[in-house]
Amino acid sequence: MKQIVVTLGVIFLFANLAFGLVLDSYDLFNLLMSSGAIIFTTIILMSIELIKMKDGFKVPLYVINSFCGIIEYIIALIAKNDMSNNWFYVLLIVIVAFQLVLLTATNVTSKKIK
């Protein structure tokens, strides 16, 4: 499964970079933010595979984190370049924190169940 995750992450990253080079309306800032969202989502999905937990917990984590990654990507595409009072960044930080808390809580819960 981890080879599929890495392969898809690389394909999406190269496609995103190609879109950034081809489209004039795709700002460099949004290109970097969306590439970061793809890389972070790939890392989270890889960590699900690497952390030892029961398989029943892995499937929902893949689905939830993939959905969150799509939302992060869309937010990164429409985010403004201005750093001050930018609610898009706040939303990205909240989603990332949610993913990390969910992964940690699931890992702890999985270890307590025998």
C-alpha atoms as a PDB file:
ATOM      1  CA  MET A   1       0.000   0.000   0.000  1.00  0.00           C
ATOM      2  CA  LYS A   2       2.820   2.400   0.745  1.00  0.00           C
ATOM      3  CA  GLN A   3       4.132   2.124  -2.825  1.00  0.00           C
ATOM      4  CA  ILE A   4       0.706   3.156  -4.122  1.00  0.00           C
ATOM      5  CA  VAL A   5       0.590   6.128  -1.747  1.00  0.00           C
ATOM      6  CA  VAL A   6       4.063   7.320  -2.733  1.00  0.00           C
ATOM      7  CA  THR A   7       3.409   6.783  -6.437  1.00  0.00           C
ATOM      8  CA  LEU A   8       0.123   8.685  -6.339  1.00  0.00           C
ATOM      9  CA  GLY A   9       1.706  11.469  -4.292  1.00  0.00           C
ATOM     10  CA  VAL A  10       4.500  11.863  -6.830  1.00  0.00           C
ATOM     11  CA  ILE A  11       2.047  11.800  -9.756  1.00  0.00           C
ATOM     12  CA  PHE A  12      -0.186  14.441  -8.155  1.00  0.00           C
ATOM     13  CA  LEU A  13       2.836  16.576  -7.289  1.00  0.00           C
ATOM     14  CA  PHE A  14       4.203  16.474 -10.846  1.00  0.00           C
ATOM     15  CA  ALA A  15       0.735  17.203 -12.267  1.00  0.00           C
ATOM     16  CA  ASN A  16       0.411  20.164  -9.898  1.00  0.00           C
ATOM     17  CA  LEU A  17       3.833  21.472 -10.926  1.00  0.00           C
ATOM     18  CA  ALA A  18       2.901  21.053 -14.602  1.00  0.00           C
ATOM     19  CA  PHE A  19      -0.313  23.019 -14.036  1.00  0.00           C
ATOM     20  CA  GLY A  20       1.729  25.731 -12.332  1.00  0.00           C
ATOM     21  CA  LEU A  21       4.092  25.986 -15.285  1.00  0.00           C
ATOM     22  CA  VAL A  22       1.371  25.933 -17.955  1.00  0.00           C
ATOM     23  CA  LEU A  23      -1.302  28.176 -16.432  1.00  0.00           C
ATOM     24  CA  ASP A  24      -0.591  31.890 -16.088  1.00  0.00           C
ATOM     25  CA  SER A  25      -3.361  32.360 -13.533  1.00  0.00           C
ATOM     26  CA  TYR A  26      -1.690  29.872 -11.173  1.00  0.00           C
ATOM     27  CA  ASP A  27       0.421  32.063  -8.868  1.00  0.00           C
ATOM     28  CA  LEU A  28       3.745  30.811  -7.526  1.00  0.00           C
ATOM     29  CA  PHE A  29       2.471  31.215  -3.982  1.00  0.00           C
ATOM     30  CA  ASN A  30      -0.575  29.016  -4.644  1.00  0.00           C
ATOM     31  CA  LEU A  31       1.657  26.523  -6.447  1.00  0.00           C
ATOM     32  CA  LEU A  32       3.891  26.221  -3.393  1.00  0.00           C
ATOM     33  CA  MET A  33       0.945  25.982  -0.985  1.00  0.00           C
ATOM     34  CA  SER A  34      -0.838  23.313  -3.032  1.00  0.00           C
ATOM     35  CA  SER A  35       2.395  21.360  -3.481  1.00  0.00           C
ATOM     36  CA  GLY A  36       2.875  21.522   0.279  1.00  0.00           C
ATOM     37  CA  ALA A  37      -0.659  20.195   0.796  1.00  0.00           C
ATOM     38  CA  ILE A  38       0.077  17.260  -1.528  1.00  0.00           C
ATOM     39  CA  ILE A  39       3.368  16.492   0.210  1.00  0.00           C
ATOM     40  CA  PHE A  40       1.820  16.726   3.686  1.00  0.00           C
ATOM     41  CA  THR A  41      -1.084  14.475   2.723  1.00  0.00           C
ATOM     42  CA  THR A  42       1.335  11.924   1.274  1.00  0.00           C
ATOM     43  CA  ILE A  43       3.398  11.992   4.478  1.00  0.00           C
ATOM     44  CA  ILE A  44       0.281  11.520   6.632  1.00  0.00           C
ATOM     45  CA  LEU A  45      -0.895   8.600   4.492  1.00  0.00           C
ATOM     46  CA  MET A  46       2.576   7.043   4.670  1.00  0.00           C
ATOM     47  CA  SER A  47       2.633   7.407   8.437  1.00  0.00           C
ATOM     48  CA  ILE A  48      -0.674   5.534   8.649  1.00  0.00           C
ATOM     49  CA  GLU A  49       1.021   2.628   6.928  1.00  0.00           C
ATOM     50  CA  LEU A  50       4.204   2.815   9.018  1.00  0.00           C
ATOM     51  CA  ILE A  51       2.534   3.096  12.436  1.00  0.00           C
ATOM     52  CA  LYS A  52       1.610  -0.293  13.834  1.00  0.00           C
ATOM     53  CA  MET A  53      -2.134  -0.277  14.406  1.00  0.00           C
ATOM     54  CA  LYS A  54      -5.019  -2.596  13.713  1.00  0.00           C
ATOM     55  CA  ASP A  55      -6.253  -2.748  10.117  1.00  0.00           C
ATOM     56  CA  GLY A  56      -9.772  -1.730  11.135  1.00  0.00           C
ATOM     57  CA  PHE A  57      -8.420   1.667  12.119  1.00  0.00           C
ATOM     58  CA  LYS A  58      -6.333   2.173   8.979  1.00  0.00           C
ATOM     59  CA  VAL A  59      -9.151   2.168   6.414  1.00  0.00           C
ATOM     60  CA  PRO A  60     -11.124   5.066   7.957  1.00  0.00           C
ATOM     61  CA  LEU A  61      -7.894   7.002   8.465  1.00  0.00           C
ATOM     62  CA  TYR A  62      -7.028   6.643   4.768  1.00  0.00           C
ATOM     63  CA  VAL A  63     -10.475   7.894   3.768  1.00  0.00           C
ATOM     64  CA  ILE A  64     -10.633  10.795   6.236  1.00  0.00           C
ATOM     65  CA  ASN A  65      -7.080  11.981   5.586  1.00  0.00           C
ATOM     66  CA  SER A  66      -7.484  11.715   1.815  1.00  0.00           C
ATOM     67  CA  PHE A  67     -10.654  13.806   2.047  1.00  0.00           C
ATOM     68  CA  CYS A  68      -8.841  16.342   4.238  1.00  0.00           C
ATOM     69  CA  GLY A  69      -5.994  16.421   1.697  1.00  0.00           C
ATOM     70  CA  ILE A  70      -8.422  17.277  -1.094  1.00  0.00           C
ATOM     71  CA  ILE A  71      -9.884  20.072   1.024  1.00  0.00           C
ATOM     72  CA  GLU A  72      -6.381  21.365   1.838  1.00  0.00           C
ATOM     73  CA  TYR A  73      -5.504  21.360  -1.859  1.00  0.00           C
ATOM     74  CA  ILE A  74      -8.617  23.343  -2.795  1.00  0.00           C
ATOM     75  CA  ILE A  75      -8.004  25.843  -0.004  1.00  0.00           C
ATOM     76  CA  ALA A  76      -4.376  26.229  -1.110  1.00  0.00           C
ATOM     77  CA  LEU A  77      -5.550  26.975  -4.647  1.00  0.00           C
ATOM     78  CA  ILE A  78      -7.887  29.774  -3.608  1.00  0.00           C
ATOM     79  CA  ALA A  79      -5.827  31.247  -0.745  1.00  0.00           C
ATOM     80  CA  LYS A  80      -4.823  34.885  -0.991  1.00  0.00           C
ATOM     81  CA  ASN A  81      -1.153  35.869  -1.021  1.00  0.00           C
ATOM     82  CA  ASP A  82      -1.613  38.214   1.923  1.00  0.00           C
ATOM     83  CA  MET A  83      -0.461  36.667   5.210  1.00  0.00           C
ATOM     84  CA  SER A  84      -2.309  39.022   7.568  1.00  0.00           C
ATOM     85  CA  ASN A  85      -5.912  38.239   8.492  1.00  0.00           C
ATOM     86  CA  ASN A  86      -6.068  35.332   6.079  1.00  0.00           C
ATOM     87  CA  TRP A  87      -8.705  32.847   7.164  1.00  0.00           C
ATOM     88  CA  PHE A  88      -7.559  30.335   4.557  1.00  0.00           C
ATOM     89  CA  TYR A  89      -4.334  29.801   6.515  1.00  0.00           C
ATOM     90  CA  VAL A  90      -6.241  29.447   9.750  1.00  0.00           C
ATOM     91  CA  LEU A  91      -8.441  26.820   8.122  1.00  0.00           C
ATOM     92  CA  LEU A  92      -5.396  24.963   6.776  1.00  0.00           C
ATOM     93  CA  ILE A  93      -3.786  24.943  10.220  1.00  0.00           C
ATOM     94  CA  VAL A  94      -7.009  23.642  11.810  1.00  0.00           C
ATOM     95  CA  ILE A  95      -7.288  20.830   9.255  1.00  0.00           C
ATOM     96  CA  VAL A  96      -3.639  19.837   9.725  1.00  0.00           C
ATOM     97  CA  ALA A  97      -4.064  19.858  13.511  1.00  0.00           C
ATOM     98  CA  PHE A  98      -7.223  17.736  13.154  1.00  0.00           C
ATOM     99  CA  GLN A  99      -5.335  15.192  11.041  1.00  0.00           C
ATOM    100  CA  LEU A 100      -2.475  14.948  13.517  1.00  0.00           C
ATOM    101  CA  VAL A 101      -4.779  14.667  16.544  1.00  0.00           C
ATOM    102  CA  LEU A 102      -6.873  12.027  14.785  1.00  0.00           C
ATOM    103  CA  LEU A 103      -3.797  10.005  13.884  1.00  0.00           C
ATOM    104  CA  THR A 104      -2.442  10.209  17.428  1.00  0.00           C
ATOM    105  CA  ALA A 105      -5.767   9.348  19.067  1.00  0.00           C
ATOM    106  CA  THR A 106      -6.319   6.421  16.723  1.00  0.00           C
ATOM    107  CA  ASN A 107      -2.838   5.105  17.385  1.00  0.00           C
ATOM    108  CA  VAL A 108      -3.316   5.264  21.156  1.00  0.00           C
ATOM    109  CA  THR A 109      -6.775   3.682  20.944  1.00  0.00           C
ATOM    110  CA  SER A 110      -5.524   0.896  18.685  1.00  0.00           C
ATOM    111  CA  LYS A 111      -2.747  -0.007  21.123  1.00  0.00           C
ATOM    112  CA  LYS A 112      -5.182  -0.218  24.063  1.00  0.00           C
ATOM    113  CA  ILE A 113      -7.505  -2.660  22.288  1.00  0.00           C
ATOM    114  CA  LYS A 114      -6.311  -6.254  22.540  1.00  0.00           C
END
